[in-house]
Amino acid sequence: MHRRLFTLAVTIAILAGSSATGLAASADERSQLLTVREAVWRSWFANDVSTLGKLVPPGTIVISAGEPQWKHQDEVLQSAVQFHADGGKLVRLEFPRTEIQRFGDVAILYSAYIVETEMKGKRSVSSGRATEVFVLQDGQWTNPGWHTDAEK
């Protein structure tokens, strides 16, 4: 079921792209998308599962760097709870580069990211790239899928 939803979202993006290939997001749309993207990441690190549950809908598919299993909404919410329960804290979150493609009600964000966290007094920095899918539904952008990789 989850795979079908993601396949449908990709198909819609491709079909929308055939009539409006890679439209650039307006400044207002870009601002909205960056705000929602930031909210998704920050709500995960803050264990704000209420906000996260609204922005990361059922049917979400997540492929994360270094993790063999793909995640869905339930696993995303649970991983936020676990990070917080383990004492994890976000120290720094940056997106030094982001490009956006808009296909109707679907937007794809391609980003470089830097995340610094603290766990039990020890800080660590990770960085990499993210490809994130956003869908506009009922006037609200949601984030039903992403793929991250990590720099070594």
N, C-alpha and C. Protein backbone atom coordinates (compact mmCIF):
# COMPACT_ATOMS: atom_id res chain seq x y z
N MET A 1 0.82 -1.19 0.00
CA MET A 1 0.00 0.00 0.00
C MET A 1 0.86 1.26 0.00
N HIS A 2 1.90 1.27 0.87
CA HIS A 2 2.77 2.43 0.95
C HIS A 2 3.50 2.65 -0.37
N ARG A 3 3.94 1.55 -0.96
CA ARG A 3 4.66 1.64 -2.23
C ARG A 3 3.76 2.19 -3.33
N ARG A 4 2.50 1.77 -3.31
CA ARG A 4 1.55 2.26 -4.30
C ARG A 4 1.33 3.76 -4.17
N LEU A 5 1.23 4.25 -2.92
CA LEU A 5 1.04 5.67 -2.70
C LEU A 5 2.23 6.47 -3.21
N PHE A 6 3.44 5.98 -2.92
CA PHE A 6 4.63 6.68 -3.38
C PHE A 6 4.71 6.64 -4.91
N THR A 7 4.41 5.48 -5.49
CA THR A 7 4.41 5.35 -6.95
C THR A 7 3.40 6.31 -7.56
N LEU A 8 2.24 6.43 -6.94
CA LEU A 8 1.22 7.37 -7.42
C LEU A 8 1.73 8.80 -7.36
N ALA A 9 2.39 9.17 -6.25
CA ALA A 9 2.93 10.53 -6.12
C ALA A 9 3.97 10.81 -7.19
N VAL A 10 4.85 9.84 -7.44
CA VAL A 10 5.88 10.01 -8.48
C VAL A 10 5.23 10.11 -9.86
N THR A 11 4.22 9.28 -10.11
CA THR A 11 3.52 9.32 -11.40
C THR A 11 2.85 10.67 -11.60
N ILE A 12 2.21 11.18 -10.56
CA ILE A 12 1.58 12.49 -10.65
C ILE A 12 2.61 13.56 -10.96
N ALA A 13 3.76 13.47 -10.29
CA ALA A 13 4.82 14.45 -10.54
C ALA A 13 5.29 14.39 -11.98
N ILE A 14 5.43 13.17 -12.51
CA ILE A 14 5.89 13.02 -13.89
C ILE A 14 4.85 13.55 -14.87
N LEU A 15 3.58 13.21 -14.62
CA LEU A 15 2.52 13.70 -15.50
C LEU A 15 2.39 15.22 -15.43
N ALA A 16 2.48 15.75 -14.23
CA ALA A 16 2.43 17.20 -14.09
C ALA A 16 3.62 17.83 -14.80
N GLY A 17 4.75 17.14 -14.72
CA GLY A 17 5.96 17.65 -15.36
C GLY A 17 5.88 17.65 -16.87
N SER A 18 5.06 16.77 -17.44
CA SER A 18 4.97 16.74 -18.89
C SER A 18 4.30 17.99 -19.43
N SER A 19 3.47 18.64 -18.61
CA SER A 19 2.84 19.88 -19.07
C SER A 19 3.50 21.11 -18.48
N ALA A 20 4.28 20.93 -17.42
CA ALA A 20 4.95 22.06 -16.78
C ALA A 20 6.26 21.56 -16.19
N THR A 21 7.23 21.35 -17.02
CA THR A 21 8.48 20.74 -16.62
C THR A 21 9.24 21.62 -15.64
N GLY A 22 9.45 21.09 -14.44
CA GLY A 22 10.31 21.70 -13.45
C GLY A 22 10.11 23.18 -13.25
N LEU A 23 8.89 23.60 -13.02
CA LEU A 23 8.65 25.02 -12.79
C LEU A 23 9.37 25.47 -11.54
N ALA A 24 9.96 26.63 -11.60
CA ALA A 24 10.62 27.17 -10.42
C ALA A 24 9.54 27.63 -9.45
N ALA A 25 9.78 27.40 -8.18
CA ALA A 25 8.85 27.86 -7.16
C ALA A 25 8.98 29.37 -7.02
N SER A 26 7.85 30.05 -6.81
CA SER A 26 7.89 31.48 -6.57
C SER A 26 8.58 31.73 -5.23
N ALA A 27 8.93 32.98 -4.96
CA ALA A 27 9.60 33.31 -3.71
C ALA A 27 8.72 32.93 -2.51
N ASP A 28 7.41 33.14 -2.62
CA ASP A 28 6.50 32.80 -1.54
C ASP A 28 6.41 31.28 -1.35
N GLU A 29 6.30 30.54 -2.47
CA GLU A 29 6.25 29.08 -2.39
C GLU A 29 7.55 28.53 -1.81
N ARG A 30 8.67 29.09 -2.25
CA ARG A 30 9.97 28.65 -1.74
C ARG A 30 10.03 28.85 -0.23
N SER A 31 9.58 30.01 0.23
CA SER A 31 9.58 30.30 1.65
C SER A 31 8.70 29.32 2.42
N GLN A 32 7.51 29.02 1.88
CA GLN A 32 6.61 28.06 2.52
C GLN A 32 7.25 26.68 2.60
N LEU A 33 7.83 26.25 1.49
CA LEU A 33 8.45 24.92 1.46
C LEU A 33 9.63 24.82 2.42
N LEU A 34 10.47 25.84 2.46
CA LEU A 34 11.62 25.81 3.36
C LEU A 34 11.17 25.82 4.82
N THR A 35 10.09 26.56 5.10
CA THR A 35 9.55 26.60 6.46
C THR A 35 9.02 25.24 6.88
N VAL A 36 8.27 24.59 5.99
CA VAL A 36 7.72 23.27 6.30
C VAL A 36 8.84 22.24 6.42
N ARG A 37 9.81 22.28 5.52
CA ARG A 37 10.94 21.35 5.61
C ARG A 37 11.65 21.51 6.95
N GLU A 38 11.91 22.74 7.34
CA GLU A 38 12.57 23.01 8.62
C GLU A 38 11.72 22.47 9.78
N ALA A 39 10.41 22.66 9.69
CA ALA A 39 9.50 22.18 10.75
C ALA A 39 9.55 20.66 10.86
N VAL A 40 9.63 19.96 9.72
CA VAL A 40 9.70 18.50 9.75
C VAL A 40 10.97 18.06 10.49
N TRP A 41 12.09 18.59 10.10
CA TRP A 41 13.36 18.19 10.73
C TRP A 41 13.36 18.55 12.22
N ARG A 42 13.02 19.80 12.53
CA ARG A 42 13.08 20.25 13.93
C ARG A 42 12.07 19.52 14.81
N SER A 43 10.89 19.23 14.29
CA SER A 43 9.90 18.52 15.10
C SER A 43 10.36 17.09 15.37
N TRP A 44 11.10 16.47 14.43
CA TRP A 44 11.64 15.14 14.69
C TRP A 44 12.65 15.21 15.84
N PHE A 45 13.59 16.13 15.77
CA PHE A 45 14.62 16.23 16.80
C PHE A 45 14.04 16.63 18.16
N ALA A 46 12.92 17.39 18.16
CA ALA A 46 12.29 17.85 19.40
C ALA A 46 11.26 16.86 19.93
N ASN A 47 11.05 15.75 19.23
CA ASN A 47 10.04 14.77 19.60
C ASN A 47 8.64 15.40 19.63
N ASP A 48 8.38 16.31 18.71
CA ASP A 48 7.07 16.93 18.58
C ASP A 48 6.25 16.06 17.61
N VAL A 49 5.77 14.93 18.13
CA VAL A 49 5.09 13.97 17.26
C VAL A 49 3.75 14.49 16.77
N SER A 50 3.17 15.46 17.46
CA SER A 50 1.91 16.05 16.99
C SER A 50 2.14 16.79 15.67
N THR A 51 3.12 17.67 15.65
CA THR A 51 3.46 18.40 14.42
C THR A 51 3.98 17.44 13.37
N LEU A 52 4.85 16.55 13.76
CA LEU A 52 5.44 15.59 12.83
C LEU A 52 4.37 14.72 12.18
N GLY A 53 3.39 14.29 12.96
CA GLY A 53 2.31 13.46 12.43
C GLY A 53 1.46 14.17 11.40
N LYS A 54 1.35 15.49 11.51
CA LYS A 54 0.59 16.28 10.53
C LYS A 54 1.40 16.51 9.25
N LEU A 55 2.69 16.68 9.39
CA LEU A 55 3.54 17.00 8.24
C LEU A 55 4.07 15.78 7.51
N VAL A 56 4.15 14.65 8.21
CA VAL A 56 4.62 13.39 7.64
C VAL A 56 3.42 12.44 7.65
N PRO A 57 2.68 12.39 6.55
CA PRO A 57 1.39 11.69 6.55
C PRO A 57 1.52 10.16 6.47
N PRO A 58 0.41 9.47 6.74
CA PRO A 58 0.39 8.03 6.51
C PRO A 58 0.79 7.78 5.04
N GLY A 59 1.46 6.70 4.80
CA GLY A 59 1.91 6.40 3.45
C GLY A 59 3.31 6.91 3.17
N THR A 60 3.91 7.60 4.11
CA THR A 60 5.26 8.12 3.95
C THR A 60 6.26 6.98 3.77
N ILE A 61 7.25 7.24 2.90
CA ILE A 61 8.34 6.29 2.70
C ILE A 61 9.65 7.05 2.88
N VAL A 62 10.51 6.51 3.75
CA VAL A 62 11.78 7.16 4.08
C VAL A 62 12.92 6.18 3.88
N ILE A 63 13.93 6.62 3.15
CA ILE A 63 15.16 5.86 2.97
C ILE A 63 16.28 6.70 3.58
N SER A 64 16.87 6.20 4.67
CA SER A 64 17.89 6.97 5.39
C SER A 64 19.26 6.35 5.21
N ALA A 65 20.24 7.20 5.17
CA ALA A 65 21.63 6.77 5.02
C ALA A 65 22.01 5.79 6.12
N GLY A 66 22.62 4.69 5.71
CA GLY A 66 23.14 3.72 6.66
C GLY A 66 22.10 2.83 7.32
N GLU A 67 20.84 2.95 6.94
CA GLU A 67 19.80 2.12 7.54
C GLU A 67 19.24 1.17 6.48
N PRO A 68 19.35 -0.14 6.71
CA PRO A 68 18.91 -1.10 5.69
C PRO A 68 17.39 -1.13 5.48
N GLN A 69 16.63 -0.82 6.54
CA GLN A 69 15.18 -0.87 6.43
C GLN A 69 14.61 0.50 6.07
N TRP A 70 13.63 0.51 5.20
CA TRP A 70 12.92 1.74 4.89
C TRP A 70 11.92 1.98 6.01
N LYS A 71 11.59 3.25 6.23
CA LYS A 71 10.65 3.60 7.30
C LYS A 71 9.37 4.16 6.70
N HIS A 72 8.34 4.09 7.53
CA HIS A 72 7.04 4.67 7.20
C HIS A 72 6.65 5.59 8.35
N GLN A 73 5.51 6.20 8.28
CA GLN A 73 5.13 7.20 9.28
C GLN A 73 5.33 6.69 10.71
N ASP A 74 4.84 5.50 11.02
CA ASP A 74 4.95 4.98 12.39
C ASP A 74 6.40 4.90 12.85
N GLU A 75 7.28 4.41 11.98
CA GLU A 75 8.70 4.30 12.35
C GLU A 75 9.36 5.67 12.48
N VAL A 76 8.95 6.62 11.67
CA VAL A 76 9.50 7.98 11.78
C VAL A 76 9.13 8.56 13.14
N LEU A 77 7.86 8.44 13.53
CA LEU A 77 7.41 8.96 14.81
C LEU A 77 8.12 8.24 15.96
N GLN A 78 8.24 6.92 15.86
CA GLN A 78 8.89 6.14 16.92
C GLN A 78 10.37 6.49 17.03
N SER A 79 11.04 6.73 15.91
CA SER A 79 12.46 7.08 15.97
C SER A 79 12.66 8.44 16.63
N ALA A 80 11.72 9.36 16.45
CA ALA A 80 11.79 10.66 17.13
C ALA A 80 11.64 10.47 18.64
N VAL A 81 10.69 9.64 19.04
CA VAL A 81 10.48 9.34 20.46
C VAL A 81 11.74 8.72 21.05
N GLN A 82 12.34 7.77 20.32
CA GLN A 82 13.54 7.08 20.82
C GLN A 82 14.73 8.02 20.93
N PHE A 83 14.93 8.88 19.94
CA PHE A 83 16.04 9.85 19.98
C PHE A 83 15.92 10.70 21.23
N HIS A 84 14.72 11.18 21.50
CA HIS A 84 14.48 12.02 22.67
C HIS A 84 14.65 11.22 23.96
N ALA A 85 14.12 9.99 24.00
CA ALA A 85 14.22 9.13 25.18
C ALA A 85 15.69 8.81 25.51
N ASP A 86 16.52 8.71 24.48
CA ASP A 86 17.95 8.44 24.67
C ASP A 86 18.73 9.68 25.08
N GLY A 87 18.02 10.82 25.23
CA GLY A 87 18.66 12.05 25.65
C GLY A 87 19.24 12.86 24.51
N GLY A 88 18.87 12.55 23.28
CA GLY A 88 19.39 13.27 22.12
C GLY A 88 18.88 14.70 22.06
N LYS A 89 19.77 15.59 21.65
CA LYS A 89 19.42 17.00 21.49
C LYS A 89 20.00 17.53 20.19
N LEU A 90 19.24 18.36 19.53
CA LEU A 90 19.72 19.04 18.33
C LEU A 90 20.52 20.27 18.75
N VAL A 91 21.72 20.37 18.24
CA VAL A 91 22.58 21.52 18.52
C VAL A 91 22.57 22.49 17.34
N ARG A 92 22.62 21.92 16.13
CA ARG A 92 22.70 22.77 14.94
C ARG A 92 22.07 22.04 13.77
N LEU A 93 21.32 22.79 12.96
CA LEU A 93 20.72 22.27 11.73
C LEU A 93 20.90 23.32 10.65
N GLU A 94 21.57 22.94 9.57
CA GLU A 94 21.80 23.87 8.47
C GLU A 94 21.54 23.18 7.15
N PHE A 95 21.06 23.97 6.20
CA PHE A 95 20.87 23.52 4.83
C PHE A 95 21.63 24.51 3.93
N PRO A 96 22.94 24.28 3.73
CA PRO A 96 23.74 25.25 2.99
C PRO A 96 23.34 25.41 1.52
N ARG A 97 22.67 24.41 0.97
CA ARG A 97 22.25 24.51 -0.43
C ARG A 97 20.93 23.76 -0.60
N THR A 98 19.98 24.41 -1.23
CA THR A 98 18.70 23.77 -1.54
C THR A 98 18.24 24.24 -2.90
N GLU A 99 17.83 23.30 -3.73
CA GLU A 99 17.20 23.61 -5.01
C GLU A 99 15.83 22.97 -5.02
N ILE A 100 14.88 23.65 -5.65
CA ILE A 100 13.49 23.20 -5.63
C ILE A 100 12.97 23.07 -7.06
N GLN A 101 12.29 21.96 -7.31
CA GLN A 101 11.53 21.78 -8.55
C GLN A 101 10.07 21.66 -8.14
N ARG A 102 9.20 22.33 -8.89
CA ARG A 102 7.76 22.30 -8.60
C ARG A 102 7.04 21.72 -9.79
N PHE A 103 6.18 20.74 -9.52
CA PHE A 103 5.37 20.09 -10.54
C PHE A 103 3.93 20.11 -10.05
N GLY A 104 3.20 21.17 -10.32
CA GLY A 104 1.84 21.29 -9.82
C GLY A 104 1.83 21.30 -8.30
N ASP A 105 1.12 20.34 -7.71
CA ASP A 105 1.03 20.27 -6.26
C ASP A 105 2.12 19.41 -5.63
N VAL A 106 3.17 19.11 -6.41
CA VAL A 106 4.30 18.33 -5.92
C VAL A 106 5.56 19.17 -6.07
N ALA A 107 6.35 19.20 -5.01
CA ALA A 107 7.64 19.89 -5.05
C ALA A 107 8.71 18.92 -4.56
N ILE A 108 9.87 18.98 -5.19
CA ILE A 108 11.00 18.16 -4.78
C ILE A 108 12.12 19.10 -4.36
N LEU A 109 12.61 18.90 -3.13
CA LEU A 109 13.71 19.70 -2.61
C LEU A 109 14.97 18.84 -2.61
N TYR A 110 16.02 19.36 -3.21
CA TYR A 110 17.33 18.72 -3.22
C TYR A 110 18.21 19.58 -2.33
N SER A 111 18.78 18.99 -1.29
CA SER A 111 19.50 19.80 -0.31
C SER A 111 20.79 19.14 0.16
N ALA A 112 21.69 19.99 0.60
CA ALA A 112 22.83 19.57 1.40
C ALA A 112 22.45 19.92 2.84
N TYR A 113 22.80 19.05 3.78
CA TYR A 113 22.45 19.33 5.17
C TYR A 113 23.65 19.10 6.09
N ILE A 114 23.60 19.78 7.22
CA ILE A 114 24.57 19.58 8.30
C ILE A 114 23.75 19.51 9.58
N VAL A 115 23.97 18.45 10.35
CA VAL A 115 23.26 18.26 11.62
C VAL A 115 24.29 17.99 12.70
N GLU A 116 24.19 18.76 13.77
CA GLU A 116 25.02 18.51 14.95
C GLU A 116 24.08 18.15 16.09
N THR A 117 24.36 17.01 16.71
CA THR A 117 23.54 16.56 17.82
C THR A 117 24.42 16.31 19.04
N GLU A 118 23.76 16.22 20.17
CA GLU A 118 24.44 15.87 21.41
C GLU A 118 23.71 14.69 22.03
N MET A 119 24.47 13.69 22.41
CA MET A 119 23.91 12.50 23.04
C MET A 119 24.79 12.15 24.23
N LYS A 120 24.23 12.23 25.43
CA LYS A 120 24.96 11.91 26.67
C LYS A 120 26.25 12.72 26.78
N GLY A 121 26.16 14.01 26.46
CA GLY A 121 27.29 14.91 26.59
C GLY A 121 28.27 14.89 25.44
N LYS A 122 28.09 13.98 24.49
CA LYS A 122 29.01 13.88 23.36
C LYS A 122 28.34 14.44 22.11
N ARG A 123 29.04 15.37 21.46
CA ARG A 123 28.51 15.97 20.23
C ARG A 123 29.04 15.24 19.00
N SER A 124 28.17 15.19 17.98
CA SER A 124 28.59 14.62 16.71
C SER A 124 27.96 15.43 15.58
N VAL A 125 28.70 15.50 14.49
CA VAL A 125 28.23 16.24 13.32
C VAL A 125 28.09 15.26 12.17
N SER A 126 26.97 15.34 11.48
CA SER A 126 26.79 14.54 10.27
C SER A 126 26.34 15.48 9.15
N SER A 127 26.68 15.10 7.95
CA SER A 127 26.29 15.91 6.80
C SER A 127 26.03 14.98 5.63
N GLY A 128 25.31 15.50 4.67
CA GLY A 128 25.00 14.71 3.50
C GLY A 128 24.04 15.44 2.59
N ARG A 129 23.31 14.65 1.82
CA ARG A 129 22.34 15.22 0.88
C ARG A 129 20.98 14.61 1.16
N ALA A 130 19.94 15.38 0.84
CA ALA A 130 18.57 14.90 1.01
C ALA A 130 17.77 15.24 -0.23
N THR A 131 16.93 14.31 -0.64
CA THR A 131 15.94 14.52 -1.68
C THR A 131 14.59 14.32 -1.00
N GLU A 132 13.79 15.38 -0.96
CA GLU A 132 12.54 15.34 -0.21
C GLU A 132 11.37 15.67 -1.12
N VAL A 133 10.29 14.90 -0.98
CA VAL A 133 9.08 15.11 -1.76
C VAL A 133 8.06 15.81 -0.86
N PHE A 134 7.47 16.89 -1.37
CA PHE A 134 6.41 17.60 -0.67
C PHE A 134 5.18 17.64 -1.56
N VAL A 135 4.02 17.48 -0.95
CA VAL A 135 2.75 17.48 -1.68
C VAL A 135 1.84 18.50 -1.02
N LEU A 136 1.23 19.35 -1.84
CA LEU A 136 0.29 20.36 -1.35
C LEU A 136 -1.10 19.73 -1.29
N GLN A 137 -1.64 19.61 -0.07
CA GLN A 137 -2.96 19.02 0.13
C GLN A 137 -3.76 19.94 1.04
N ASP A 138 -4.93 20.35 0.57
CA ASP A 138 -5.81 21.23 1.36
C ASP A 138 -5.07 22.47 1.86
N GLY A 139 -4.23 23.03 1.01
CA GLY A 139 -3.52 24.27 1.34
C GLY A 139 -2.32 24.09 2.25
N GLN A 140 -1.95 22.86 2.59
CA GLN A 140 -0.82 22.59 3.48
C GLN A 140 0.18 21.66 2.79
N TRP A 141 1.46 22.04 2.84
CA TRP A 141 2.51 21.16 2.32
C TRP A 141 2.75 20.04 3.32
N THR A 142 2.82 18.81 2.82
CA THR A 142 3.20 17.66 3.63
C THR A 142 4.42 17.02 3.00
N ASN A 143 5.10 16.17 3.76
CA ASN A 143 6.37 15.57 3.35
C ASN A 143 6.26 14.04 3.36
N PRO A 144 5.65 13.44 2.31
CA PRO A 144 5.40 12.01 2.32
C PRO A 144 6.57 11.12 1.89
N GLY A 145 7.74 11.69 1.69
CA GLY A 145 8.86 10.83 1.34
C GLY A 145 10.17 11.58 1.23
N TRP A 146 11.24 10.89 1.60
CA TRP A 146 12.57 11.46 1.43
C TRP A 146 13.62 10.37 1.41
N HIS A 147 14.77 10.77 0.90
CA HIS A 147 15.94 9.88 0.84
C HIS A 147 17.15 10.72 1.25
N THR A 148 17.90 10.24 2.22
CA THR A 148 19.11 10.94 2.62
C THR A 148 20.32 10.05 2.39
N ASP A 149 21.44 10.69 2.14
CA ASP A 149 22.72 9.99 2.15
C ASP A 149 23.63 10.74 3.08
N ALA A 150 24.73 10.15 3.43
CA ALA A 150 25.67 10.76 4.36
C ALA A 150 27.03 10.86 3.73
N GLU A 151 27.72 11.98 4.02
CA GLU A 151 29.10 12.12 3.58
C GLU A 151 29.98 11.35 4.53
N LYS A 152 31.04 10.83 4.01
CA LYS A 152 31.97 10.07 4.87
C LYS A 152 33.06 10.96 5.37
